[in-house]
Amino acid sequence: MKTLYNAQLINKELISNCNFPPTDIHQTKDEIVILKHKLEQAAKLGNIEKQKCKLYFQDNEGVKLVETTVWAACEKNIVIKYGICIPIRRIIDIEY
């Protein structure tokens, strides 16, 4: 699952054109808990310090990388600039 180095860099404005399959890429509940914690931390850093992060996610075409500020981490999605949402079920990892 960790094909991070083969990720295609994408502009955040183009994420709204991505097609996200309904399947979850995570294998265990522990993975989801850890990821949600990291996403919540990224949202705090984004709102308090305006810190950008590297967000790895997978759409129907493959693994993508975007450098952006996370504004909110909700139950099923994260929100970035322009109100663009990315489903948590398709997020691979986040680095901040």
N, C-alpha and C. Protein backbone atom coordinates (compact mmCIF):
# COMPACT_ATOMS: atom_id res chain seq x y z
N MET A 1 0.81 -1.19 0.00
CA MET A 1 0.00 0.00 0.00
C MET A 1 0.86 1.26 0.00
N LYS A 2 2.05 1.23 0.54
CA LYS A 2 2.90 2.42 0.64
C LYS A 2 3.67 2.65 -0.65
N THR A 3 2.98 3.15 -1.66
CA THR A 3 3.61 3.51 -2.93
C THR A 3 3.81 5.02 -2.98
N LEU A 4 4.18 5.60 -1.86
CA LEU A 4 4.24 7.05 -1.74
C LEU A 4 5.23 7.69 -2.69
N TYR A 5 6.32 7.04 -2.96
CA TYR A 5 7.34 7.64 -3.81
C TYR A 5 6.95 7.63 -5.28
N ASN A 6 5.93 6.88 -5.63
CA ASN A 6 5.44 6.87 -7.00
C ASN A 6 4.21 7.76 -7.17
N ALA A 7 3.93 8.57 -6.18
CA ALA A 7 2.74 9.43 -6.21
C ALA A 7 2.90 10.54 -7.24
N GLN A 8 1.80 10.86 -7.90
CA GLN A 8 1.77 11.95 -8.87
C GLN A 8 1.42 13.24 -8.12
N LEU A 9 2.26 14.25 -8.25
CA LEU A 9 2.00 15.55 -7.64
C LEU A 9 0.85 16.21 -8.38
N ILE A 10 -0.13 16.72 -7.61
CA ILE A 10 -1.31 17.32 -8.20
C ILE A 10 -1.59 18.66 -7.51
N ASN A 11 -2.07 19.63 -8.27
CA ASN A 11 -2.47 20.91 -7.69
C ASN A 11 -3.79 20.73 -6.96
N LYS A 12 -3.93 21.38 -5.82
CA LYS A 12 -5.14 21.22 -5.01
C LYS A 12 -6.40 21.62 -5.77
N GLU A 13 -6.28 22.54 -6.71
CA GLU A 13 -7.43 22.97 -7.49
C GLU A 13 -7.98 21.85 -8.38
N LEU A 14 -7.16 20.86 -8.69
CA LEU A 14 -7.57 19.78 -9.57
C LEU A 14 -8.21 18.60 -8.83
N ILE A 15 -8.16 18.61 -7.52
CA ILE A 15 -8.70 17.49 -6.74
C ILE A 15 -10.20 17.33 -6.96
N SER A 16 -10.89 18.43 -7.19
CA SER A 16 -12.34 18.32 -7.41
C SER A 16 -12.67 17.53 -8.68
N ASN A 17 -11.69 17.35 -9.56
CA ASN A 17 -11.89 16.54 -10.77
C ASN A 17 -11.61 15.06 -10.54
N CYS A 18 -11.07 14.71 -9.38
CA CYS A 18 -10.73 13.32 -9.08
C CYS A 18 -11.99 12.51 -8.81
N ASN A 19 -11.94 11.25 -9.18
CA ASN A 19 -13.03 10.31 -8.93
C ASN A 19 -12.57 9.34 -7.85
N PHE A 20 -13.28 9.32 -6.72
CA PHE A 20 -12.91 8.48 -5.59
C PHE A 20 -13.82 7.26 -5.51
N PRO A 21 -13.27 6.06 -5.73
CA PRO A 21 -14.08 4.85 -5.60
C PRO A 21 -14.64 4.71 -4.18
N PRO A 22 -15.75 3.98 -4.02
CA PRO A 22 -16.38 3.85 -2.71
C PRO A 22 -15.65 2.90 -1.75
N THR A 23 -14.68 2.18 -2.24
CA THR A 23 -13.98 1.22 -1.39
C THR A 23 -12.98 1.90 -0.47
N ASP A 24 -12.74 1.29 0.67
CA ASP A 24 -11.80 1.79 1.67
C ASP A 24 -10.44 1.15 1.41
N ILE A 25 -9.38 1.95 1.38
CA ILE A 25 -8.05 1.40 1.11
C ILE A 25 -7.36 0.90 2.38
N HIS A 26 -7.95 1.15 3.54
CA HIS A 26 -7.33 0.75 4.80
C HIS A 26 -7.68 -0.69 5.15
N GLN A 27 -6.72 -1.39 5.72
CA GLN A 27 -6.89 -2.79 6.03
C GLN A 27 -7.49 -3.05 7.42
N THR A 28 -7.12 -2.21 8.39
CA THR A 28 -7.56 -2.47 9.76
C THR A 28 -8.15 -1.21 10.39
N LYS A 29 -8.90 -1.40 11.45
CA LYS A 29 -9.45 -0.27 12.20
C LYS A 29 -8.35 0.54 12.86
N ASP A 30 -7.27 -0.13 13.26
CA ASP A 30 -6.14 0.59 13.86
C ASP A 30 -5.54 1.59 12.88
N GLU A 31 -5.43 1.20 11.61
CA GLU A 31 -4.92 2.12 10.59
C GLU A 31 -5.80 3.36 10.49
N ILE A 32 -7.09 3.16 10.54
CA ILE A 32 -8.03 4.28 10.43
C ILE A 32 -7.91 5.20 11.64
N VAL A 33 -7.79 4.62 12.84
CA VAL A 33 -7.66 5.42 14.06
C VAL A 33 -6.40 6.27 14.01
N ILE A 34 -5.29 5.67 13.61
CA ILE A 34 -4.02 6.40 13.52
C ILE A 34 -4.11 7.52 12.48
N LEU A 35 -4.68 7.20 11.33
CA LEU A 35 -4.81 8.21 10.27
C LEU A 35 -5.70 9.36 10.72
N LYS A 36 -6.83 9.06 11.34
CA LYS A 36 -7.73 10.13 11.80
C LYS A 36 -7.04 11.03 12.83
N HIS A 37 -6.23 10.42 13.69
CA HIS A 37 -5.48 11.23 14.67
C HIS A 37 -4.51 12.16 13.94
N LYS A 38 -3.81 11.64 12.94
CA LYS A 38 -2.86 12.46 12.18
C LYS A 38 -3.58 13.57 11.42
N LEU A 39 -4.76 13.28 10.89
CA LEU A 39 -5.53 14.28 10.16
C LEU A 39 -6.04 15.37 11.08
N GLU A 40 -6.48 14.99 12.27
CA GLU A 40 -6.92 15.99 13.26
C GLU A 40 -5.76 16.89 13.66
N GLN A 41 -4.59 16.32 13.84
CA GLN A 41 -3.40 17.11 14.17
C GLN A 41 -3.05 18.06 13.02
N ALA A 42 -3.15 17.57 11.78
CA ALA A 42 -2.87 18.42 10.62
C ALA A 42 -3.86 19.58 10.54
N ALA A 43 -5.12 19.33 10.88
CA ALA A 43 -6.13 20.40 10.87
C ALA A 43 -5.81 21.44 11.94
N LYS A 44 -5.36 21.00 13.10
CA LYS A 44 -4.98 21.95 14.15
C LYS A 44 -3.80 22.81 13.69
N LEU A 45 -2.80 22.17 13.11
CA LEU A 45 -1.64 22.91 12.61
C LEU A 45 -2.03 23.85 11.48
N GLY A 46 -2.96 23.43 10.65
CA GLY A 46 -3.41 24.27 9.55
C GLY A 46 -4.16 25.50 10.03
N ASN A 47 -5.00 25.33 11.04
CA ASN A 47 -5.80 26.45 11.52
C ASN A 47 -5.01 27.38 12.43
N ILE A 48 -4.12 26.85 13.22
CA ILE A 48 -3.37 27.68 14.18
C ILE A 48 -2.14 28.30 13.53
N GLU A 49 -1.38 27.48 12.82
CA GLU A 49 -0.10 27.94 12.27
C GLU A 49 -0.08 28.08 10.75
N LYS A 50 -1.19 27.77 10.10
CA LYS A 50 -1.29 27.81 8.62
C LYS A 50 -0.22 26.92 7.99
N GLN A 51 0.08 25.81 8.66
CA GLN A 51 1.12 24.90 8.19
C GLN A 51 0.57 23.97 7.12
N LYS A 52 1.32 23.84 6.03
CA LYS A 52 0.96 22.92 4.97
C LYS A 52 1.47 21.52 5.30
N CYS A 53 0.87 20.53 4.66
CA CYS A 53 1.30 19.14 4.84
C CYS A 53 1.32 18.46 3.47
N LYS A 54 1.92 17.31 3.45
CA LYS A 54 1.90 16.47 2.25
C LYS A 54 0.84 15.40 2.48
N LEU A 55 -0.13 15.37 1.59
CA LEU A 55 -1.25 14.46 1.72
C LEU A 55 -1.22 13.47 0.56
N TYR A 56 -1.13 12.19 0.90
CA TYR A 56 -1.11 11.12 -0.10
C TYR A 56 -2.49 10.48 -0.12
N PHE A 57 -3.08 10.40 -1.32
CA PHE A 57 -4.39 9.78 -1.44
C PHE A 57 -4.47 9.02 -2.76
N GLN A 58 -5.48 8.19 -2.87
CA GLN A 58 -5.64 7.38 -4.08
C GLN A 58 -7.02 7.60 -4.68
N ASP A 59 -7.02 8.00 -5.94
CA ASP A 59 -8.29 8.10 -6.66
C ASP A 59 -8.38 6.90 -7.60
N ASN A 60 -9.28 6.95 -8.59
CA ASN A 60 -9.43 5.80 -9.48
C ASN A 60 -8.28 5.65 -10.47
N GLU A 61 -7.39 6.65 -10.54
CA GLU A 61 -6.26 6.59 -11.48
C GLU A 61 -4.94 6.20 -10.82
N GLY A 62 -4.86 6.33 -9.49
CA GLY A 62 -3.61 5.99 -8.82
C GLY A 62 -3.35 6.89 -7.62
N VAL A 63 -2.12 6.82 -7.13
CA VAL A 63 -1.74 7.56 -5.94
C VAL A 63 -1.35 8.98 -6.31
N LYS A 64 -1.88 9.93 -5.54
CA LYS A 64 -1.61 11.34 -5.78
C LYS A 64 -1.01 11.96 -4.53
N LEU A 65 -0.30 13.06 -4.71
CA LEU A 65 0.30 13.83 -3.63
C LEU A 65 -0.09 15.28 -3.81
N VAL A 66 -0.56 15.90 -2.74
CA VAL A 66 -0.87 17.32 -2.77
C VAL A 66 -0.26 17.96 -1.53
N GLU A 67 0.32 19.13 -1.72
CA GLU A 67 0.83 19.90 -0.59
C GLU A 67 -0.18 20.99 -0.31
N THR A 68 -0.82 20.92 0.86
CA THR A 68 -1.92 21.81 1.16
C THR A 68 -2.09 21.98 2.66
N THR A 69 -2.95 22.89 3.03
CA THR A 69 -3.34 23.09 4.42
C THR A 69 -4.66 22.36 4.64
N VAL A 70 -4.73 21.57 5.70
CA VAL A 70 -5.98 20.89 6.06
C VAL A 70 -6.76 21.85 6.95
N TRP A 71 -7.96 22.22 6.52
CA TRP A 71 -8.78 23.15 7.30
C TRP A 71 -9.68 22.44 8.28
N ALA A 72 -10.14 21.23 7.93
CA ALA A 72 -11.02 20.49 8.84
C ALA A 72 -10.88 19.00 8.60
N ALA A 73 -10.97 18.25 9.68
CA ALA A 73 -11.00 16.79 9.62
C ALA A 73 -12.34 16.36 10.21
N CYS A 74 -13.24 15.93 9.34
CA CYS A 74 -14.58 15.53 9.75
C CYS A 74 -14.64 14.00 9.89
N GLU A 75 -15.81 13.47 10.08
CA GLU A 75 -15.99 12.03 10.27
C GLU A 75 -15.57 11.23 9.04
N LYS A 76 -15.96 11.67 7.86
CA LYS A 76 -15.71 10.89 6.64
C LYS A 76 -14.81 11.59 5.63
N ASN A 77 -14.60 12.90 5.79
CA ASN A 77 -13.82 13.66 4.82
C ASN A 77 -12.90 14.64 5.52
N ILE A 78 -11.91 15.10 4.76
CA ILE A 78 -11.15 16.27 5.21
C ILE A 78 -11.49 17.40 4.25
N VAL A 79 -11.33 18.62 4.72
CA VAL A 79 -11.62 19.79 3.90
C VAL A 79 -10.33 20.58 3.76
N ILE A 80 -10.03 20.94 2.50
CA ILE A 80 -8.87 21.77 2.23
C ILE A 80 -9.36 23.08 1.61
N LYS A 81 -8.46 23.86 1.09
CA LYS A 81 -8.79 25.16 0.51
C LYS A 81 -9.89 25.03 -0.56
N TYR A 82 -10.68 26.08 -0.69
CA TYR A 82 -11.79 26.16 -1.63
C TYR A 82 -12.93 25.20 -1.27
N GLY A 83 -12.93 24.67 -0.06
CA GLY A 83 -13.99 23.75 0.36
C GLY A 83 -13.91 22.39 -0.31
N ILE A 84 -12.76 22.06 -0.85
CA ILE A 84 -12.58 20.76 -1.51
C ILE A 84 -12.48 19.67 -0.46
N CYS A 85 -13.25 18.59 -0.67
CA CYS A 85 -13.26 17.46 0.27
C CYS A 85 -12.54 16.26 -0.33
N ILE A 86 -11.83 15.56 0.53
CA ILE A 86 -11.19 14.29 0.16
C ILE A 86 -11.68 13.25 1.15
N PRO A 87 -12.23 12.13 0.66
CA PRO A 87 -12.72 11.09 1.58
C PRO A 87 -11.56 10.44 2.35
N ILE A 88 -11.74 10.32 3.65
CA ILE A 88 -10.71 9.71 4.49
C ILE A 88 -10.44 8.27 4.06
N ARG A 89 -11.46 7.59 3.56
CA ARG A 89 -11.30 6.20 3.14
C ARG A 89 -10.29 6.04 2.01
N ARG A 90 -9.94 7.16 1.32
CA ARG A 90 -9.01 7.11 0.21
C ARG A 90 -7.67 7.78 0.51
N ILE A 91 -7.49 8.25 1.75
CA ILE A 91 -6.22 8.88 2.14
C ILE A 91 -5.26 7.80 2.62
N ILE A 92 -4.07 7.83 2.07
CA ILE A 92 -3.05 6.83 2.42
C ILE A 92 -2.27 7.28 3.64
N ASP A 93 -1.77 8.51 3.59
CA ASP A 93 -0.94 9.01 4.70
C ASP A 93 -0.85 10.52 4.61
N ILE A 94 -0.34 11.12 5.68
CA ILE A 94 -0.15 12.55 5.73
C ILE A 94 1.15 12.83 6.46
N GLU A 95 1.92 13.77 5.95
CA GLU A 95 3.18 14.18 6.57
C GLU A 95 3.12 15.66 6.86
N TYR A 96 3.48 16.05 8.07
CA TYR A 96 3.51 17.48 8.41
C TYR A 96 4.76 17.81 9.17
